Amino acid sequence: MEEWIPRDAADEVTGGLPWSRFCLRGQPRLRIAPKPVFVRLLFSTPHPINPAELRARMREFFARAVREWIEAYEQHGDAIRIAP
C-alpha cells in the first residue's frame, strides 16, 4: 500500500480492510468496494469448520480486499476513505 499512499495512511487502510467498508470523500452513502474481510466471512458458505480453514479464508479475503482497495484507489485517488 505504501506504493500509493504514505505509511501512516497505509496503516489506517490496512486496519480498515478487515473491519470497515470504504466510501468516497467521507460520505457513508457513497460506499464502494472493498468489502471488509469479516463481512465476507459472515456471508461465505460453506463456513470454515476449523482454525486452519478460517485462517486460509481470512488470508484469501484479505488479499481480495487489498486488490479491491488498489483498484478503487486507482479509480478515485485520495477521495477514498474508511467509512465511519
PDB file of N, CA and C in Angstrom:
ATOM      1  N   MET A   1       0.808  -1.199   0.000  1.00  0.00           N
ATOM      2  CA  MET A   1       0.000   0.000   0.000  1.00  0.00           C
ATOM      3  C   MET A   1       0.844   1.252   0.000  1.00  0.00           C
ATOM      4  N   GLU A   2       2.022   1.144   0.587  1.00  0.00           N
ATOM      5  CA  GLU A   2       2.880   2.321   0.656  1.00  0.00           C
ATOM      6  C   GLU A   2       3.372   2.768  -0.718  1.00  0.00           C
ATOM      7  N   GLU A   3       3.104   1.965  -1.747  1.00  0.00           N
ATOM      8  CA  GLU A   3       3.397   2.409  -3.112  1.00  0.00           C
ATOM      9  C   GLU A   3       2.446   3.519  -3.536  1.00  0.00           C
ATOM     10  N   TRP A   4       1.250   3.564  -2.922  1.00  0.00           N
ATOM     11  CA  TRP A   4       0.221   4.510  -3.329  1.00  0.00           C
ATOM     12  C   TRP A   4       0.030   5.645  -2.337  1.00  0.00           C
ATOM     13  N   ILE A   5       0.172   5.345  -1.046  1.00  0.00           N
ATOM     14  CA  ILE A   5      -0.137   6.344  -0.020  1.00  0.00           C
ATOM     15  C   ILE A   5       0.956   6.355   1.045  1.00  0.00           C
ATOM     16  N   PRO A   6       1.048   7.419   1.858  1.00  0.00           N
ATOM     17  CA  PRO A   6       2.065   7.478   2.912  1.00  0.00           C
ATOM     18  C   PRO A   6       1.882   6.371   3.953  1.00  0.00           C
ATOM     19  N   ARG A   7       2.961   6.061   4.653  1.00  0.00           N
ATOM     20  CA  ARG A   7       2.970   4.959   5.621  1.00  0.00           C
ATOM     21  C   ARG A   7       1.880   5.093   6.678  1.00  0.00           C
ATOM     22  N   ASP A   8       1.674   6.295   7.242  1.00  0.00           N
ATOM     23  CA  ASP A   8       0.652   6.443   8.289  1.00  0.00           C
ATOM     24  C   ASP A   8      -0.746   6.199   7.731  1.00  0.00           C
ATOM     25  N   ALA A   9      -1.001   6.602   6.500  1.00  0.00           N
ATOM     26  CA  ALA A   9      -2.301   6.340   5.879  1.00  0.00           C
ATOM     27  C   ALA A   9      -2.445   4.860   5.545  1.00  0.00           C
ATOM     28  N   ALA A  10      -1.352   4.216   5.143  1.00  0.00           N
ATOM     29  CA  ALA A  10      -1.397   2.781   4.832  1.00  0.00           C
ATOM     30  C   ALA A  10      -1.752   1.973   6.067  1.00  0.00           C
ATOM     31  N   ASP A  11      -1.260   2.388   7.221  1.00  0.00           N
ATOM     32  CA  ASP A  11      -1.585   1.702   8.468  1.00  0.00           C
ATOM     33  C   ASP A  11      -3.081   1.775   8.744  1.00  0.00           C
ATOM     34  N   GLU A  12      -3.672   2.941   8.530  1.00  0.00           N
ATOM     35  CA  GLU A  12      -5.116   3.107   8.746  1.00  0.00           C
ATOM     36  C   GLU A  12      -5.914   2.253   7.762  1.00  0.00           C
ATOM     37  N   VAL A  13      -5.522   2.262   6.509  1.00  0.00           N
ATOM     38  CA  VAL A  13      -6.231   1.478   5.498  1.00  0.00           C
ATOM     39  C   VAL A  13      -6.116  -0.007   5.805  1.00  0.00           C
ATOM     40  N   THR A  14      -4.919  -0.460   6.157  1.00  0.00           N
ATOM     41  CA  THR A  14      -4.721  -1.873   6.475  1.00  0.00           C
ATOM     42  C   THR A  14      -5.612  -2.294   7.635  1.00  0.00           C
ATOM     43  N   GLY A  15      -5.763  -1.428   8.630  1.00  0.00           N
ATOM     44  CA  GLY A  15      -6.670  -1.720   9.737  1.00  0.00           C
ATOM     45  C   GLY A  15      -8.124  -1.698   9.312  1.00  0.00           C
ATOM     46  N   GLY A  16      -8.452  -0.884   8.314  1.00  0.00           N
ATOM     47  CA  GLY A  16      -9.833  -0.801   7.854  1.00  0.00           C
ATOM     48  C   GLY A  16     -10.259  -1.964   6.988  1.00  0.00           C
ATOM     49  N   LEU A  17      -9.326  -2.609   6.310  1.00  0.00           N
ATOM     50  CA  LEU A  17      -9.698  -3.688   5.398  1.00  0.00           C
ATOM     51  C   LEU A  17     -10.428  -4.845   6.075  1.00  0.00           C
ATOM     52  N   PRO A  18     -10.028  -5.294   7.266  1.00  0.00           N
ATOM     53  CA  PRO A  18     -10.803  -6.371   7.889  1.00  0.00           C
ATOM     54  C   PRO A  18     -12.151  -5.910   8.437  1.00  0.00           C
ATOM     55  N   TRP A  19     -12.249  -4.638   8.899  1.00  0.00           N
ATOM     56  CA  TRP A  19     -13.382  -4.213   9.709  1.00  0.00           C
ATOM     57  C   TRP A  19     -14.397  -3.332   9.020  1.00  0.00           C
ATOM     58  N   SER A  20     -14.002  -2.564   8.041  1.00  0.00           N
ATOM     59  CA  SER A  20     -14.789  -1.426   7.581  1.00  0.00           C
ATOM     60  C   SER A  20     -15.006  -1.469   6.089  1.00  0.00           C
ATOM     61  N   ARG A  21     -16.023  -0.787   5.635  1.00  0.00           N
ATOM     62  CA  ARG A  21     -16.134  -0.540   4.194  1.00  0.00           C
ATOM     63  C   ARG A  21     -15.451   0.777   3.913  1.00  0.00           C
ATOM     64  N   PHE A  22     -15.407   1.127   2.658  1.00  0.00           N
ATOM     65  CA  PHE A  22     -14.786   2.372   2.242  1.00  0.00           C
ATOM     66  C   PHE A  22     -15.816   3.220   1.529  1.00  0.00           C
ATOM     67  N   CYS A  23     -15.608   4.525   1.529  1.00  0.00           N
ATOM     68  CA  CYS A  23     -16.545   5.431   0.900  1.00  0.00           C
ATOM     69  C   CYS A  23     -15.780   6.557   0.215  1.00  0.00           C
ATOM     70  N   LEU A  24     -16.498   7.296  -0.598  1.00  0.00           N
ATOM     71  CA  LEU A  24     -15.901   8.413  -1.314  1.00  0.00           C
ATOM     72  C   LEU A  24     -16.073   9.689  -0.519  1.00  0.00           C
ATOM     73  N   ARG A  25     -14.971  10.408  -0.352  1.00  0.00           N
ATOM     74  CA  ARG A  25     -14.967  11.712   0.302  1.00  0.00           C
ATOM     75  C   ARG A  25     -15.656  11.696   1.663  1.00  0.00           C
ATOM     76  N   GLY A  26     -15.532  10.588   2.402  1.00  0.00           N
ATOM     77  CA  GLY A  26     -16.066  10.516   3.756  1.00  0.00           C
ATOM     78  C   GLY A  26     -17.579  10.462   3.837  1.00  0.00           C
ATOM     79  N   GLN A  27     -18.256  10.128   2.747  1.00  0.00           N
ATOM     80  CA  GLN A  27     -19.716  10.097   2.731  1.00  0.00           C
ATOM     81  C   GLN A  27     -20.203   8.644   2.759  1.00  0.00           C
ATOM     82  N   PRO A  28     -20.725   8.187   3.893  1.00  0.00           N
ATOM     83  CA  PRO A  28     -21.120   6.778   4.014  1.00  0.00           C
ATOM     84  C   PRO A  28     -22.112   6.318   2.951  1.00  0.00           C
ATOM     85  N   ARG A  29     -22.942   7.212   2.447  1.00  0.00           N
ATOM     86  CA  ARG A  29     -23.915   6.776   1.437  1.00  0.00           C
ATOM     87  C   ARG A  29     -23.245   6.475   0.093  1.00  0.00           C
ATOM     88  N   LEU A  30     -21.990   6.871  -0.054  1.00  0.00           N
ATOM     89  CA  LEU A  30     -21.240   6.590  -1.276  1.00  0.00           C
ATOM     90  C   LEU A  30     -20.252   5.438  -1.052  1.00  0.00           C
ATOM     91  N   ARG A  31     -20.729   4.387  -0.397  1.00  0.00           N
ATOM     92  CA  ARG A  31     -19.856   3.255  -0.092  1.00  0.00           C
ATOM     93  C   ARG A  31     -19.476   2.523  -1.372  1.00  0.00           C
ATOM     94  N   ILE A  32     -18.236   2.035  -1.385  1.00  0.00           N
ATOM     95  CA  ILE A  32     -17.718   1.298  -2.530  1.00  0.00           C
ATOM     96  C   ILE A  32     -16.969   0.074  -2.011  1.00  0.00           C
ATOM     97  N   ALA A  33     -16.570  -0.804  -2.920  1.00  0.00           N
ATOM     98  CA  ALA A  33     -15.692  -1.905  -2.522  1.00  0.00           C
ATOM     99  C   ALA A  33     -14.397  -1.283  -2.030  1.00  0.00           C
ATOM    100  N   PRO A  34     -13.596  -1.941  -1.236  1.00  0.00           N
ATOM    101  CA  PRO A  34     -13.646  -3.347  -0.888  1.00  0.00           C
ATOM    102  C   PRO A  34     -14.596  -3.650   0.261  1.00  0.00           C
ATOM    103  N   LYS A  35     -15.139  -4.843   0.217  1.00  0.00           N
ATOM    104  CA  LYS A  35     -15.927  -5.302   1.353  1.00  0.00           C
ATOM    105  C   LYS A  35     -14.971  -5.809   2.422  1.00  0.00           C
ATOM    106  N   PRO A  36     -15.274  -5.536   3.680  1.00  0.00           N
ATOM    107  CA  PRO A  36     -14.369  -5.967   4.738  1.00  0.00           C
ATOM    108  C   PRO A  36     -14.268  -7.490   4.826  1.00  0.00           C
ATOM    109  N   VAL A  37     -13.129  -7.941   5.307  1.00  0.00           N
ATOM    110  CA  VAL A  37     -12.859  -9.365   5.449  1.00  0.00           C
ATOM    111  C   VAL A  37     -13.917 -10.033   6.318  1.00  0.00           C
ATOM    112  N   PHE A  38     -14.269  -9.405   7.440  1.00  0.00           N
ATOM    113  CA  PHE A  38     -15.218 -10.047   8.362  1.00  0.00           C
ATOM    114  C   PHE A  38     -16.620 -10.131   7.778  1.00  0.00           C
ATOM    115  N   VAL A  39     -17.012  -9.183   6.973  1.00  0.00           N
ATOM    116  CA  VAL A  39     -18.319  -9.260   6.301  1.00  0.00           C
ATOM    117  C   VAL A  39     -18.317 -10.434   5.332  1.00  0.00           C
ATOM    118  N   ARG A  40     -17.243 -10.547   4.573  1.00  0.00           N
ATOM    119  CA  ARG A  40     -17.157 -11.687   3.637  1.00  0.00           C
ATOM    120  C   ARG A  40     -17.192 -13.018   4.382  1.00  0.00           C
ATOM    121  N   LEU A  41     -16.503 -13.091   5.522  1.00  0.00           N
ATOM    122  CA  LEU A  41     -16.514 -14.335   6.301  1.00  0.00           C
ATOM    123  C   LEU A  41     -17.925 -14.692   6.755  1.00  0.00           C
ATOM    124  N   LEU A  42     -18.662 -13.686   7.223  1.00  0.00           N
ATOM    125  CA  LEU A  42     -20.020 -13.952   7.715  1.00  0.00           C
ATOM    126  C   LEU A  42     -20.945 -14.465   6.629  1.00  0.00           C
ATOM    127  N   PHE A  43     -20.726 -14.024   5.397  1.00  0.00           N
ATOM    128  CA  PHE A  43     -21.647 -14.368   4.325  1.00  0.00           C
ATOM    129  C   PHE A  43     -21.106 -15.410   3.357  1.00  0.00           C
ATOM    130  N   SER A  44     -19.947 -16.002   3.659  1.00  0.00           N
ATOM    131  CA  SER A  44     -19.417 -17.035   2.777  1.00  0.00           C
ATOM    132  C   SER A  44     -19.925 -18.395   3.221  1.00  0.00           C
ATOM    133  N   THR A  45     -20.167 -19.241   2.249  1.00  0.00           N
ATOM    134  CA  THR A  45     -20.561 -20.619   2.546  1.00  0.00           C
ATOM    135  C   THR A  45     -19.731 -21.535   1.663  1.00  0.00           C
ATOM    136  N   PRO A  46     -19.409 -22.709   2.119  1.00  0.00           N
ATOM    137  CA  PRO A  46     -19.655 -23.206   3.475  1.00  0.00           C
ATOM    138  C   PRO A  46     -18.773 -22.462   4.484  1.00  0.00           C
ATOM    139  N   HIS A  47     -19.228 -22.416   5.715  1.00  0.00           N
ATOM    140  CA  HIS A  47     -18.475 -21.748   6.765  1.00  0.00           C
ATOM    141  C   HIS A  47     -17.223 -22.553   7.107  1.00  0.00           C
ATOM    142  N   PRO A  48     -16.149 -21.868   7.484  1.00  0.00           N
ATOM    143  CA  PRO A  48     -14.937 -22.596   7.897  1.00  0.00           C
ATOM    144  C   PRO A  48     -15.254 -23.527   9.069  1.00  0.00           C
ATOM    145  N   ILE A  49     -14.673 -24.721   9.033  1.00  0.00           N
ATOM    146  CA  ILE A  49     -15.015 -25.696  10.072  1.00  0.00           C
ATOM    147  C   ILE A  49     -13.908 -25.899  11.101  1.00  0.00           C
ATOM    148  N   ASN A  50     -12.732 -25.294  10.859  1.00  0.00           N
ATOM    149  CA  ASN A  50     -11.645 -25.425  11.832  1.00  0.00           C
ATOM    150  C   ASN A  50     -10.742 -24.191  11.727  1.00  0.00           C
ATOM    151  N   PRO A  51      -9.856 -23.997  12.697  1.00  0.00           N
ATOM    152  CA  PRO A  51      -8.999 -22.798  12.689  1.00  0.00           C
ATOM    153  C   PRO A  51      -8.125 -22.664  11.440  1.00  0.00           C
ATOM    154  N   ALA A  52      -7.615 -23.762  10.930  1.00  0.00           N
ATOM    155  CA  ALA A  52      -6.759 -23.698   9.736  1.00  0.00           C
ATOM    156  C   ALA A  52      -7.551 -23.203   8.524  1.00  0.00           C
ATOM    157  N   GLU A  53      -8.753 -23.698   8.374  1.00  0.00           N
ATOM    158  CA  GLU A  53      -9.598 -23.254   7.262  1.00  0.00           C
ATOM    159  C   GLU A  53      -9.991 -21.784   7.428  1.00  0.00           C
ATOM    160  N   LEU A  54     -10.263 -21.379   8.647  1.00  0.00           N
ATOM    161  CA  LEU A  54     -10.593 -19.983   8.919  1.00  0.00           C
ATOM    162  C   LEU A  54      -9.421 -19.061   8.563  1.00  0.00           C
ATOM    163  N   ARG A  55      -8.217 -19.420   8.985  1.00  0.00           N
ATOM    164  CA  ARG A  55      -7.033 -18.612   8.661  1.00  0.00           C
ATOM    165  C   ARG A  55      -6.820 -18.523   7.150  1.00  0.00           C
ATOM    166  N   ALA A  56      -6.971 -19.643   6.459  1.00  0.00           N
ATOM    167  CA  ALA A  56      -6.790 -19.648   5.000  1.00  0.00           C
ATOM    168  C   ALA A  56      -7.820 -18.748   4.322  1.00  0.00           C
ATOM    169  N   ARG A  57      -9.063 -18.829   4.770  1.00  0.00           N
ATOM    170  CA  ARG A  57     -10.116 -17.999   4.173  1.00  0.00           C
ATOM    171  C   ARG A  57      -9.881 -16.529   4.477  1.00  0.00           C
ATOM    172  N   MET A  58      -9.432 -16.220   5.703  1.00  0.00           N
ATOM    173  CA  MET A  58      -9.155 -14.825   6.045  1.00  0.00           C
ATOM    174  C   MET A  58      -8.024 -14.263   5.185  1.00  0.00           C
ATOM    175  N   ARG A  59      -6.972 -15.062   4.958  1.00  0.00           N
ATOM    176  CA  ARG A  59      -5.876 -14.603   4.090  1.00  0.00           C
ATOM    177  C   ARG A  59      -6.386 -14.366   2.667  1.00  0.00           C
ATOM    178  N   GLU A  60      -7.212 -15.267   2.176  1.00  0.00           N
ATOM    179  CA  GLU A  60      -7.782 -15.123   0.833  1.00  0.00           C
ATOM    180  C   GLU A  60      -8.627 -13.850   0.739  1.00  0.00           C
ATOM    181  N   PHE A  61      -9.493 -13.637   1.704  1.00  0.00           N
ATOM    182  CA  PHE A  61     -10.368 -12.467   1.666  1.00  0.00           C
ATOM    183  C   PHE A  61      -9.591 -11.169   1.886  1.00  0.00           C
ATOM    184  N   PHE A  62      -8.533 -11.210   2.713  1.00  0.00           N
ATOM    185  CA  PHE A  62      -7.720 -10.011   2.908  1.00  0.00           C
ATOM    186  C   PHE A  62      -7.005  -9.653   1.611  1.00  0.00           C
ATOM    187  N   ALA A  63      -6.439 -10.639   0.929  1.00  0.00           N
ATOM    188  CA  ALA A  63      -5.772 -10.381  -0.352  1.00  0.00           C
ATOM    189  C   ALA A  63      -6.764  -9.810  -1.364  1.00  0.00           C
ATOM    190  N   ARG A  64      -7.979 -10.334  -1.364  1.00  0.00           N
ATOM    191  CA  ARG A  64      -9.013  -9.811  -2.267  1.00  0.00           C
ATOM    192  C   ARG A  64      -9.364  -8.362  -1.923  1.00  0.00           C
ATOM    193  N   ALA A  65      -9.489  -8.073  -0.626  1.00  0.00           N
ATOM    194  CA  ALA A  65      -9.803  -6.705  -0.197  1.00  0.00           C
ATOM    195  C   ALA A  65      -8.686  -5.747  -0.580  1.00  0.00           C
ATOM    196  N   VAL A  66      -7.434  -6.175  -0.458  1.00  0.00           N
ATOM    197  CA  VAL A  66      -6.319  -5.317  -0.853  1.00  0.00           C
ATOM    198  C   VAL A  66      -6.380  -5.038  -2.348  1.00  0.00           C
ATOM    199  N   ARG A  67      -6.619  -6.072  -3.158  1.00  0.00           N
ATOM    200  CA  ARG A  67      -6.741  -5.863  -4.612  1.00  0.00           C
ATOM    201  C   ARG A  67      -7.866  -4.890  -4.931  1.00  0.00           C
ATOM    202  N   GLU A  68      -9.009  -5.038  -4.264  1.00  0.00           N
ATOM    203  CA  GLU A  68     -10.141  -4.137  -4.498  1.00  0.00           C
ATOM    204  C   GLU A  68      -9.801  -2.710  -4.063  1.00  0.00           C
ATOM    205  N   TRP A  69      -9.071  -2.585  -2.936  1.00  0.00           N
ATOM    206  CA  TRP A  69      -8.692  -1.250  -2.488  1.00  0.00           C
ATOM    207  C   TRP A  69      -7.787  -0.590  -3.518  1.00  0.00           C
ATOM    208  N   ILE A  70      -6.824  -1.336  -4.043  1.00  0.00           N
ATOM    209  CA  ILE A  70      -5.914  -0.784  -5.055  1.00  0.00           C
ATOM    210  C   ILE A  70      -6.705  -0.318  -6.274  1.00  0.00           C
ATOM    211  N   GLU A  71      -7.638  -1.137  -6.737  1.00  0.00           N
ATOM    212  CA  GLU A  71      -8.467  -0.748  -7.888  1.00  0.00           C
ATOM    213  C   GLU A  71      -9.267   0.514  -7.586  1.00  0.00           C
ATOM    214  N   ALA A  72      -9.859   0.573  -6.390  1.00  0.00           N
ATOM    215  CA  ALA A  72     -10.647   1.753  -6.017  1.00  0.00           C
ATOM    216  C   ALA A  72      -9.746   2.976  -5.900  1.00  0.00           C
ATOM    217  N   TYR A  73      -8.562   2.799  -5.331  1.00  0.00           N
ATOM    218  CA  TYR A  73      -7.644   3.934  -5.191  1.00  0.00           C
ATOM    219  C   TYR A  73      -7.188   4.430  -6.560  1.00  0.00           C
ATOM    220  N   GLU A  74      -6.908   3.514  -7.463  1.00  0.00           N
ATOM    221  CA  GLU A  74      -6.502   3.922  -8.807  1.00  0.00           C
ATOM    222  C   GLU A  74      -7.625   4.671  -9.520  1.00  0.00           C
ATOM    223  N   GLN A  75      -8.871   4.310  -9.225  1.00  0.00           N
ATOM    224  CA  GLN A  75     -10.016   4.984  -9.846  1.00  0.00           C
ATOM    225  C   GLN A  75     -10.350   6.311  -9.167  1.00  0.00           C
ATOM    226  N   HIS A  76     -10.337   6.342  -7.822  1.00  0.00           N
ATOM    227  CA  HIS A  76     -10.837   7.501  -7.078  1.00  0.00           C
ATOM    228  C   HIS A  76      -9.753   8.328  -6.394  1.00  0.00           C
ATOM    229  N   GLY A  77      -8.536   7.801  -6.297  1.00  0.00           N
ATOM    230  CA  GLY A  77      -7.445   8.537  -5.663  1.00  0.00           C
ATOM    231  C   GLY A  77      -7.715   8.848  -4.199  1.00  0.00           C
ATOM    232  N   ASP A  78      -7.339  10.042  -3.774  1.00  0.00           N
ATOM    233  CA  ASP A  78      -7.467  10.421  -2.367  1.00  0.00           C
ATOM    234  C   ASP A  78      -8.902  10.604  -1.894  1.00  0.00           C
ATOM    235  N   ALA A  79      -9.876  10.470  -2.779  1.00  0.00           N
ATOM    236  CA  ALA A  79     -11.278  10.589  -2.363  1.00  0.00           C
ATOM    237  C   ALA A  79     -11.742   9.353  -1.588  1.00  0.00           C
ATOM    238  N   ILE A  80     -11.004   8.256  -1.659  1.00  0.00           N
ATOM    239  CA  ILE A  80     -11.416   7.029  -0.968  1.00  0.00           C
ATOM    240  C   ILE A  80     -10.987   7.100   0.497  1.00  0.00           C
ATOM    241  N   ARG A  81     -11.912   6.811   1.389  1.00  0.00           N
ATOM    242  CA  ARG A  81     -11.679   6.869   2.835  1.00  0.00           C
ATOM    243  C   ARG A  81     -12.352   5.680   3.516  1.00  0.00           C
ATOM    244  N   ILE A  82     -11.862   5.344   4.710  1.00  0.00           N
ATOM    245  CA  ILE A  82     -12.540   4.336   5.508  1.00  0.00           C
ATOM    246  C   ILE A  82     -13.889   4.884   5.940  1.00  0.00           C
ATOM    247  N   ALA A  83     -14.939   4.091   5.785  1.00  0.00           N
ATOM    248  CA  ALA A  83     -16.286   4.553   6.136  1.00  0.00           C
ATOM    249  C   ALA A  83     -16.445   4.618   7.642  1.00  0.00           C
ATOM    250  N   PRO A  84     -17.166   5.635   8.120  1.00  0.00           N
ATOM    251  CA  PRO A  84     -17.413   5.738   9.565  1.00  0.00           C
ATOM    252  C   PRO A  84     -18.375   4.665  10.044  1.00  0.00           C
TER     253      PRO A  84
END
